[in-house]
Amino acid sequence: MTKRRWLFILGFLCVAGLAVGLYLYQNLVNIDSDSNNYIAEWLNNPASRTELITTHACEDAPFLLPSTGFIGLLYRDVARPYNGLSRHTGIDIFGDGDLGTVPIFAAYDGYLTRLNDWRATVIIRHDDPLIPGRTIWTYYTHMANLDGSVSFIVEDFPPGTTDQFVERGTLLGYQGNYNGGRFDIAMHLHFSIVKSNKDGTFKNEAILRNTLDPSPYFGLPLDLDARATRPIRCKTDS
C-alpha cells in the first residue's frame, strides 16, 4: 500500500472519529435536564403539588390536555431512565390523587383502538388538525395497577376494541402505575403523538422518530429544548 493511501486512510479515520466524538458529545454529554429534580419535589413534598400542576392546554390549541397534573418528563427528555441516545417519546403527566382516580380524556376526536393484549393502553386515530389529510395517533398508557391485574380503562373500551369513535373529552380511564413489570413507576399518564405507516397503521411509539412534538397541539412548551420551568403554562396565563 502506498504512503498516499495510508495517509488517506488515516485522515478518513481521524475525521470519522471526530464526527463520532462530536455526535456523542452532543447526545450524551452536552445535554441536561432538570425534570428529575421536579419529579423528586412532586413525590417527596406533596405540599408543593398545587404549585406544579398544569390544568389545561392553551386557548385555541386543537388538543385538550388529556389529564390534569404535573407534567414531569417532557418530549425528547433525557432525564433518567432516558438519555441522549434513548429519549422520552412523549410527556408524562403525574396526577394528584389515589391510584385509579385521576381521569384521562381523549385529546381530540378520533377512532379508538385497544389491542387484545393491552392491559393499560389505548390509541386513537385522528385526522391531524395541524396538517389536514395526515393521519396521526394519540397514545395513552399506564392505566392499570402495578401488576396489571386491574385495568383502569373504562368498560366502554374492552380489549379488542377497533376504530370506535370518541369525541374530544371522552373519558378513557384513570391514571395507574403499570409498566409491564419492567420497573416500579409513580402513578402517571404517558401520552404521545404517533405517526402512521404508509398503510395507515400506527408506528412503534417507543422509537422517538416515530413520534411528534406535542407542543403545537397543546400550545405549551413541551419539548426539552424549550427549557420550560414548572408548572408549564400558556404565555397568556398569569
C-alpha atoms as a PDB file:
ATOM      1  CA  MET A   1       0.000   0.000   0.000  1.00  0.00           C
ATOM      2  CA  THR A   2       1.354   3.390  -0.964  1.00  0.00           C
ATOM      3  CA  LYS A   3       2.145   6.140   1.500  1.00  0.00           C
ATOM      4  CA  ARG A   4      -0.521   8.334  -0.068  1.00  0.00           C
ATOM      5  CA  ARG A   5      -3.181   5.710   0.518  1.00  0.00           C
ATOM      6  CA  TRP A   6      -2.080   5.255   4.128  1.00  0.00           C
ATOM      7  CA  LEU A   7      -2.361   8.993   4.645  1.00  0.00           C
ATOM      8  CA  PHE A   8      -5.813   8.988   3.071  1.00  0.00           C
ATOM      9  CA  ILE A   9      -6.992   6.164   5.356  1.00  0.00           C
ATOM     10  CA  LEU A  10      -5.504   7.870   8.418  1.00  0.00           C
ATOM     11  CA  GLY A  11      -7.189  11.145   7.515  1.00  0.00           C
ATOM     12  CA  PHE A  12     -10.519   9.394   6.979  1.00  0.00           C
ATOM     13  CA  LEU A  13     -10.275   7.658  10.367  1.00  0.00           C
ATOM     14  CA  CYS A  14      -9.468  10.952  12.071  1.00  0.00           C
ATOM     15  CA  VAL A  15     -12.452  12.689  10.500  1.00  0.00           C
ATOM     16  CA  ALA A  16     -14.743   9.755  11.315  1.00  0.00           C
ATOM     17  CA  GLY A  17     -13.504   9.677  14.917  1.00  0.00           C
ATOM     18  CA  LEU A  18     -14.085  13.409  15.248  1.00  0.00           C
ATOM     19  CA  ALA A  19     -17.606  13.046  13.868  1.00  0.00           C
ATOM     20  CA  VAL A  20     -18.416  10.207  16.259  1.00  0.00           C
ATOM     21  CA  GLY A  21     -16.953  12.134  19.184  1.00  0.00           C
ATOM     22  CA  LEU A  22     -18.964  15.236  18.296  1.00  0.00           C
ATOM     23  CA  TYR A  23     -22.143  13.172  17.993  1.00  0.00           C
ATOM     24  CA  LEU A  24     -21.615  11.512  21.360  1.00  0.00           C
ATOM     25  CA  TYR A  25     -20.823  14.871  22.969  1.00  0.00           C
ATOM     26  CA  GLN A  26     -23.969  16.466  21.597  1.00  0.00           C
ATOM     27  CA  ASN A  27     -26.164  13.494  22.506  1.00  0.00           C
ATOM     28  CA  LEU A  28     -24.676  12.277  25.768  1.00  0.00           C
ATOM     29  CA  VAL A  29     -22.561  14.998  27.367  1.00  0.00           C
ATOM     30  CA  ASN A  30     -23.723  18.382  26.153  1.00  0.00           C
ATOM     31  CA  ILE A  31     -27.345  17.932  27.258  1.00  0.00           C
ATOM     32  CA  ASP A  32     -29.043  18.092  30.581  1.00  0.00           C
ATOM     33  CA  SER A  33     -32.496  18.014  32.113  1.00  0.00           C
ATOM     34  CA  ASP A  34     -33.851  19.209  35.432  1.00  0.00           C
ATOM     35  CA  SER A  35     -37.010  17.085  35.140  1.00  0.00           C
ATOM     36  CA  ASN A  36     -35.964  14.581  37.808  1.00  0.00           C
ATOM     37  CA  ASN A  37     -35.489  17.426  40.285  1.00  0.00           C
ATOM     38  CA  TYR A  38     -39.095  18.449  39.752  1.00  0.00           C
ATOM     39  CA  ILE A  39     -40.276  14.842  39.926  1.00  0.00           C
ATOM     40  CA  ALA A  40     -38.455  14.363  43.227  1.00  0.00           C
ATOM     41  CA  GLU A  41     -40.143  17.508  44.558  1.00  0.00           C
ATOM     42  CA  TRP A  42     -43.527  16.175  43.450  1.00  0.00           C
ATOM     43  CA  LEU A  43     -43.011  12.773  45.072  1.00  0.00           C
ATOM     44  CA  ASN A  44     -41.300  13.879  48.275  1.00  0.00           C
ATOM     45  CA  ASN A  45     -43.126  17.109  49.056  1.00  0.00           C
ATOM     46  CA  PRO A  46     -46.877  16.712  48.484  1.00  0.00           C
ATOM     47  CA  ALA A  47     -47.478  20.222  49.818  1.00  0.00           C
ATOM     48  CA  SER A  48     -45.770  21.604  46.700  1.00  0.00           C
ATOM     49  CA  ARG A  49     -48.030  19.847  44.234  1.00  0.00           C
ATOM     50  CA  THR A  50     -50.582  22.590  43.696  1.00  0.00           C
ATOM     51  CA  GLU A  51     -47.733  24.824  42.518  1.00  0.00           C
ATOM     52  CA  LEU A  52     -46.565  22.292  39.901  1.00  0.00           C
ATOM     53  CA  ILE A  53     -49.856  21.312  38.244  1.00  0.00           C
ATOM     54  CA  THR A  54     -50.905  22.196  34.699  1.00  0.00           C
ATOM     55  CA  THR A  55     -54.673  22.128  34.316  1.00  0.00           C
ATOM     56  CA  HIS A  56     -55.330  22.950  30.665  1.00  0.00           C
ATOM     57  CA  ALA A  57     -53.949  23.428  27.172  1.00  0.00           C
ATOM     58  CA  CYS A  58     -53.672  26.908  25.705  1.00  0.00           C
ATOM     59  CA  GLU A  59     -56.580  28.811  24.232  1.00  0.00           C
ATOM     60  CA  ASP A  60     -57.263  27.875  20.580  1.00  0.00           C
ATOM     61  CA  ALA A  61     -54.974  24.814  20.782  1.00  0.00           C
ATOM     62  CA  PRO A  62     -56.612  21.862  18.991  1.00  0.00           C
ATOM     63  CA  PHE A  63     -55.922  19.293  21.712  1.00  0.00           C
ATOM     64  CA  LEU A  64     -57.447  19.038  25.157  1.00  0.00           C
ATOM     65  CA  LEU A  65     -54.923  18.293  27.898  1.00  0.00           C
ATOM     66  CA  PRO A  66     -55.679  14.582  28.498  1.00  0.00           C
ATOM     67  CA  SER A  67     -55.221  14.694  32.258  1.00  0.00           C
ATOM     68  CA  THR A  68     -54.743  17.300  34.956  1.00  0.00           C
ATOM     69  CA  GLY A  69     -51.440  17.077  36.783  1.00  0.00           C
ATOM     70  CA  PHE A  70     -47.746  17.815  36.889  1.00  0.00           C
ATOM     71  CA  ILE A  71     -46.014  17.468  33.526  1.00  0.00           C
ATOM     72  CA  GLY A  72     -42.821  15.818  34.743  1.00  0.00           C
ATOM     73  CA  LEU A  73     -40.986  14.290  31.792  1.00  0.00           C
ATOM     74  CA  LEU A  74     -41.003  16.309  28.575  1.00  0.00           C
ATOM     75  CA  TYR A  75     -40.846  15.316  24.924  1.00  0.00           C
ATOM     76  CA  ARG A  76     -37.276  14.283  23.988  1.00  0.00           C
ATOM     77  CA  ASP A  77     -36.335  14.350  27.697  1.00  0.00           C
ATOM     78  CA  VAL A  78     -33.012  12.792  28.700  1.00  0.00           C
ATOM     79  CA  ALA A  79     -33.717  12.525  32.432  1.00  0.00           C
ATOM     80  CA  ARG A  80     -33.249   9.033  33.891  1.00  0.00           C
ATOM     81  CA  PRO A  81     -34.158   6.379  32.880  1.00  0.00           C
ATOM     82  CA  TYR A  82     -33.699   8.074  29.469  1.00  0.00           C
ATOM     83  CA  ASN A  83     -30.559   9.502  27.868  1.00  0.00           C
ATOM     84  CA  GLY A  84     -29.343  11.257  24.760  1.00  0.00           C
ATOM     85  CA  LEU A  85     -29.465   8.106  22.660  1.00  0.00           C
ATOM     86  CA  SER A  86     -32.829   6.952  24.043  1.00  0.00           C
ATOM     87  CA  ARG A  87     -35.034   9.979  24.619  1.00  0.00           C
ATOM     88  CA  HIS A  88     -38.558  10.170  26.019  1.00  0.00           C
ATOM     89  CA  THR A  89     -41.140   9.883  23.237  1.00  0.00           C
ATOM     90  CA  GLY A  90     -43.984  11.851  24.804  1.00  0.00           C
ATOM     91  CA  ILE A  91     -44.941  13.621  28.014  1.00  0.00           C
ATOM     92  CA  ASP A  92     -45.643  12.193  31.477  1.00  0.00           C
ATOM     93  CA  ILE A  93     -48.472  13.767  33.468  1.00  0.00           C
ATOM     94  CA  PHE A  94     -48.434  12.889  37.184  1.00  0.00           C
ATOM     95  CA  GLY A  95     -51.880  13.142  38.772  1.00  0.00           C
ATOM     96  CA  ASP A  96     -52.543  14.171  42.360  1.00  0.00           C
ATOM     97  CA  GLY A  97     -54.831  11.514  43.797  1.00  0.00           C
ATOM     98  CA  ASP A  98     -55.183   7.853  44.587  1.00  0.00           C
ATOM     99  CA  LEU A  99     -54.438   5.101  42.108  1.00  0.00           C
ATOM    100  CA  GLY A 100     -57.262   4.717  39.599  1.00  0.00           C
ATOM    101  CA  THR A 101     -58.996   8.015  40.453  1.00  0.00           C
ATOM    102  CA  VAL A 102     -57.341  10.680  38.256  1.00  0.00           C
ATOM    103  CA  PRO A 103     -59.289  10.793  34.970  1.00  0.00           C
ATOM    104  CA  ILE A 104     -57.817  10.632  31.473  1.00  0.00           C
ATOM    105  CA  PHE A 105     -59.679  12.074  28.483  1.00  0.00           C
ATOM    106  CA  ALA A 106     -59.404  11.860  24.708  1.00  0.00           C
ATOM    107  CA  ALA A 107     -57.351  14.795  23.488  1.00  0.00           C
ATOM    108  CA  TYR A 108     -59.203  15.085  20.179  1.00  0.00           C
ATOM    109  CA  ASP A 109     -61.984  13.495  18.122  1.00  0.00           C
ATOM    110  CA  GLY A 110     -60.927  10.203  16.609  1.00  0.00           C
ATOM    111  CA  TYR A 111     -61.223   6.425  16.412  1.00  0.00           C
ATOM    112  CA  LEU A 112     -60.044   4.386  19.379  1.00  0.00           C
ATOM    113  CA  THR A 113     -58.304   1.003  19.263  1.00  0.00           C
ATOM    114  CA  ARG A 114     -57.306  -1.259  22.141  1.00  0.00           C
ATOM    115  CA  LEU A 115     -55.383  -4.366  21.140  1.00  0.00           C
ATOM    116  CA  ASN A 116     -56.315  -7.681  22.746  1.00  0.00           C
ATOM    117  CA  ASP A 117     -53.191  -7.810  24.935  1.00  0.00           C
ATOM    118  CA  TRP A 118     -53.260  -4.158  26.041  1.00  0.00           C
ATOM    119  CA  ARG A 119     -53.966  -4.045  29.768  1.00  0.00           C
ATOM    120  CA  ALA A 120     -53.269  -0.356  30.289  1.00  0.00           C
ATOM    121  CA  THR A 121     -53.160   1.276  26.857  1.00  0.00           C
ATOM    122  CA  VAL A 122     -55.400   2.730  24.169  1.00  0.00           C
ATOM    123  CA  ILE A 123     -54.541   4.572  20.959  1.00  0.00           C
ATOM    124  CA  ILE A 124     -56.735   6.942  18.942  1.00  0.00           C
ATOM    125  CA  ARG A 125     -56.509   7.661  15.210  1.00  0.00           C
ATOM    126  CA  HIS A 126     -57.058  11.278  14.125  1.00  0.00           C
ATOM    127  CA  ASP A 127     -57.066  13.481  11.096  1.00  0.00           C
ATOM    128  CA  ASP A 128     -54.220  15.831  12.049  1.00  0.00           C
ATOM    129  CA  PRO A 129     -55.734  19.228  12.946  1.00  0.00           C
ATOM    130  CA  LEU A 130     -52.452  20.960  12.060  1.00  0.00           C
ATOM    131  CA  ILE A 131     -51.942  19.189   8.730  1.00  0.00           C
ATOM    132  CA  PRO A 132     -55.398  18.132   7.460  1.00  0.00           C
ATOM    133  CA  GLY A 133     -55.291  14.911   5.490  1.00  0.00           C
ATOM    134  CA  ARG A 134     -52.425  13.462   7.514  1.00  0.00           C
ATOM    135  CA  THR A 135     -53.240  10.613   9.912  1.00  0.00           C
ATOM    136  CA  ILE A 136     -51.776  10.725  13.414  1.00  0.00           C
ATOM    137  CA  TRP A 137     -52.459   8.764  16.592  1.00  0.00           C
ATOM    138  CA  THR A 138     -52.581   9.741  20.266  1.00  0.00           C
ATOM    139  CA  TYR A 139     -51.292   7.112  22.682  1.00  0.00           C
ATOM    140  CA  TYR A 140     -52.322   6.782  26.349  1.00  0.00           C
ATOM    141  CA  THR A 141     -50.772   4.268  28.734  1.00  0.00           C
ATOM    142  CA  HIS A 142     -50.168   3.166  32.376  1.00  0.00           C
ATOM    143  CA  MET A 143     -53.920   2.796  33.007  1.00  0.00           C
ATOM    144  CA  ALA A 144     -53.687  -0.235  35.320  1.00  0.00           C
ATOM    145  CA  ASN A 145     -52.362  -1.185  38.739  1.00  0.00           C
ATOM    146  CA  LEU A 146     -48.764  -2.259  39.310  1.00  0.00           C
ATOM    147  CA  ASP A 147     -49.112  -5.945  38.413  1.00  0.00           C
ATOM    148  CA  GLY A 148     -51.654  -5.318  35.653  1.00  0.00           C
ATOM    149  CA  SER A 149     -54.395  -7.316  37.366  1.00  0.00           C
ATOM    150  CA  VAL A 150     -56.789  -4.339  37.461  1.00  0.00           C
ATOM    151  CA  SER A 151     -57.265  -2.188  34.394  1.00  0.00           C
ATOM    152  CA  PHE A 152     -58.376   1.417  34.846  1.00  0.00           C
ATOM    153  CA  ILE A 153     -59.600   1.750  31.252  1.00  0.00           C
ATOM    154  CA  VAL A 154     -63.362   2.317  31.258  1.00  0.00           C
ATOM    155  CA  GLU A 155     -65.591  -0.622  30.333  1.00  0.00           C
ATOM    156  CA  ASP A 156     -66.676   1.080  27.101  1.00  0.00           C
ATOM    157  CA  PHE A 157     -63.322   0.082  25.560  1.00  0.00           C
ATOM    158  CA  PRO A 158     -62.649  -3.614  26.256  1.00  0.00           C
ATOM    159  CA  PRO A 159     -59.668  -5.464  24.767  1.00  0.00           C
ATOM    160  CA  GLY A 160     -60.188  -5.939  21.048  1.00  0.00           C
ATOM    161  CA  THR A 161     -61.921  -2.593  20.512  1.00  0.00           C
ATOM    162  CA  THR A 162     -61.187  -1.320  16.994  1.00  0.00           C
ATOM    163  CA  ASP A 163     -61.939   2.052  15.403  1.00  0.00           C
ATOM    164  CA  GLN A 164     -64.580   3.121  17.934  1.00  0.00           C
ATOM    165  CA  PHE A 165     -65.388   6.796  17.501  1.00  0.00           C
ATOM    166  CA  VAL A 166     -64.730   9.021  20.523  1.00  0.00           C
ATOM    167  CA  GLU A 167     -65.198  12.744  20.889  1.00  0.00           C
ATOM    168  CA  ARG A 168     -62.687  15.161  22.318  1.00  0.00           C
ATOM    169  CA  GLY A 169     -63.060  14.962  26.106  1.00  0.00           C
ATOM    170  CA  THR A 170     -64.403  11.393  26.230  1.00  0.00           C
ATOM    171  CA  LEU A 171     -63.394   9.625  29.459  1.00  0.00           C
ATOM    172  CA  LEU A 172     -60.908   6.868  28.596  1.00  0.00           C
ATOM    173  CA  GLY A 173     -59.839   5.699  32.034  1.00  0.00           C
ATOM    174  CA  TYR A 174     -57.744   6.663  35.046  1.00  0.00           C
ATOM    175  CA  GLN A 175     -54.077   7.020  35.842  1.00  0.00           C
ATOM    176  CA  GLY A 176     -52.219   3.983  37.105  1.00  0.00           C
ATOM    177  CA  ASN A 177     -48.672   2.701  37.608  1.00  0.00           C
ATOM    178  CA  TYR A 178     -48.497  -0.386  35.379  1.00  0.00           C
ATOM    179  CA  ASN A 179     -45.310  -0.591  33.330  1.00  0.00           C
ATOM    180  CA  GLY A 180     -45.236  -4.146  32.083  1.00  0.00           C
ATOM    181  CA  GLY A 181     -43.312  -5.312  35.135  1.00  0.00           C
ATOM    182  CA  ARG A 182     -40.060  -3.741  33.921  1.00  0.00           C
ATOM    183  CA  PHE A 183     -39.630  -1.468  36.965  1.00  0.00           C
ATOM    184  CA  ASP A 184     -41.768   0.350  39.513  1.00  0.00           C
ATOM    185  CA  ILE A 185     -43.061   3.772  38.492  1.00  0.00           C
ATOM    186  CA  ALA A 186     -45.060   6.544  40.106  1.00  0.00           C
ATOM    187  CA  MET A 187     -48.680   6.936  39.031  1.00  0.00           C
ATOM    188  CA  HIS A 188     -48.960   8.957  35.826  1.00  0.00           C
ATOM    189  CA  LEU A 189     -50.213   9.099  32.261  1.00  0.00           C
ATOM    190  CA  HIS A 190     -47.712   8.678  29.437  1.00  0.00           C
ATOM    191  CA  PHE A 191     -49.079  10.465  26.374  1.00  0.00           C
ATOM    192  CA  SER A 192     -47.529  10.665  22.927  1.00  0.00           C
ATOM    193  CA  ILE A 193     -48.426  11.572  19.344  1.00  0.00           C
ATOM    194  CA  VAL A 194     -47.539   8.771  16.933  1.00  0.00           C
ATOM    195  CA  LYS A 195     -47.018   8.843  13.165  1.00  0.00           C
ATOM    196  CA  SER A 196     -48.702   6.480  10.719  1.00  0.00           C
ATOM    197  CA  ASN A 197     -47.169   3.860   8.489  1.00  0.00           C
ATOM    198  CA  LYS A 198     -47.891   4.073   4.765  1.00  0.00           C
ATOM    199  CA  ASP A 199     -50.689   1.530   5.197  1.00  0.00           C
ATOM    200  CA  GLY A 200     -52.376   3.737   7.803  1.00  0.00           C
ATOM    201  CA  THR A 201     -51.415   1.696  10.859  1.00  0.00           C
ATOM    202  CA  PHE A 202     -49.560   3.268  13.763  1.00  0.00           C
ATOM    203  CA  LYS A 203     -45.797   3.146  14.116  1.00  0.00           C
ATOM    204  CA  ASN A 204     -43.871   1.876  17.153  1.00  0.00           C
ATOM    205  CA  GLU A 205     -44.391   4.528  19.841  1.00  0.00           C
ATOM    206  CA  ALA A 206     -41.204   3.571  21.693  1.00  0.00           C
ATOM    207  CA  ILE A 207     -38.998   4.985  18.896  1.00  0.00           C
ATOM    208  CA  LEU A 208     -38.541   8.761  19.004  1.00  0.00           C
ATOM    209  CA  ARG A 209     -38.518   9.301  15.239  1.00  0.00           C
ATOM    210  CA  ASN A 210     -41.981   7.713  15.074  1.00  0.00           C
ATOM    211  CA  THR A 211     -43.474  10.431  17.273  1.00  0.00           C
ATOM    212  CA  LEU A 212     -44.232  14.147  17.015  1.00  0.00           C
ATOM    213  CA  ASP A 213     -43.531  17.075  19.306  1.00  0.00           C
ATOM    214  CA  PRO A 214     -46.824  17.646  21.186  1.00  0.00           C
ATOM    215  CA  SER A 215     -46.070  21.338  21.830  1.00  0.00           C
ATOM    216  CA  PRO A 216     -48.042  22.868  18.922  1.00  0.00           C
ATOM    217  CA  TYR A 217     -51.024  20.611  19.575  1.00  0.00           C
ATOM    218  CA  PHE A 218     -51.388  21.959  23.126  1.00  0.00           C
ATOM    219  CA  GLY A 219     -49.827  25.397  22.660  1.00  0.00           C
ATOM    220  CA  LEU A 220     -47.454  24.534  25.518  1.00  0.00           C
ATOM    221  CA  PRO A 221     -43.605  24.377  25.616  1.00  0.00           C
ATOM    222  CA  LEU A 222     -43.343  20.589  25.982  1.00  0.00           C
ATOM    223  CA  ASP A 223     -40.082  19.868  24.139  1.00  0.00           C
ATOM    224  CA  LEU A 224     -36.931  19.556  26.249  1.00  0.00           C
ATOM    225  CA  ASP A 225     -35.185  22.264  24.244  1.00  0.00           C
ATOM    226  CA  ALA A 226     -37.828  24.799  25.337  1.00  0.00           C
ATOM    227  CA  ARG A 227     -36.319  24.590  28.855  1.00  0.00           C
ATOM    228  CA  ALA A 228     -39.701  25.223  30.414  1.00  0.00           C
ATOM    229  CA  THR A 229     -39.932  25.689  34.154  1.00  0.00           C
ATOM    230  CA  ARG A 230     -42.718  24.028  36.101  1.00  0.00           C
ATOM    231  CA  PRO A 231     -45.576  24.467  36.208  1.00  0.00           C
ATOM    232  CA  ILE A 232     -45.836  24.596  32.439  1.00  0.00           C
ATOM    233  CA  ARG A 233     -48.222  27.378  31.488  1.00  0.00           C
ATOM    234  CA  CYS A 234     -49.524  29.198  28.448  1.00  0.00           C
ATOM    235  CA  LYS A 235     -47.936  32.595  27.831  1.00  0.00           C
ATOM    236  CA  THR A 236     -51.320  34.229  28.390  1.00  0.00           C
ATOM    237  CA  ASP A 237     -51.787  32.627  31.833  1.00  0.00           C
ATOM    238  CA  SER A 238     -50.863  34.744  34.810  1.00  0.00           C
END
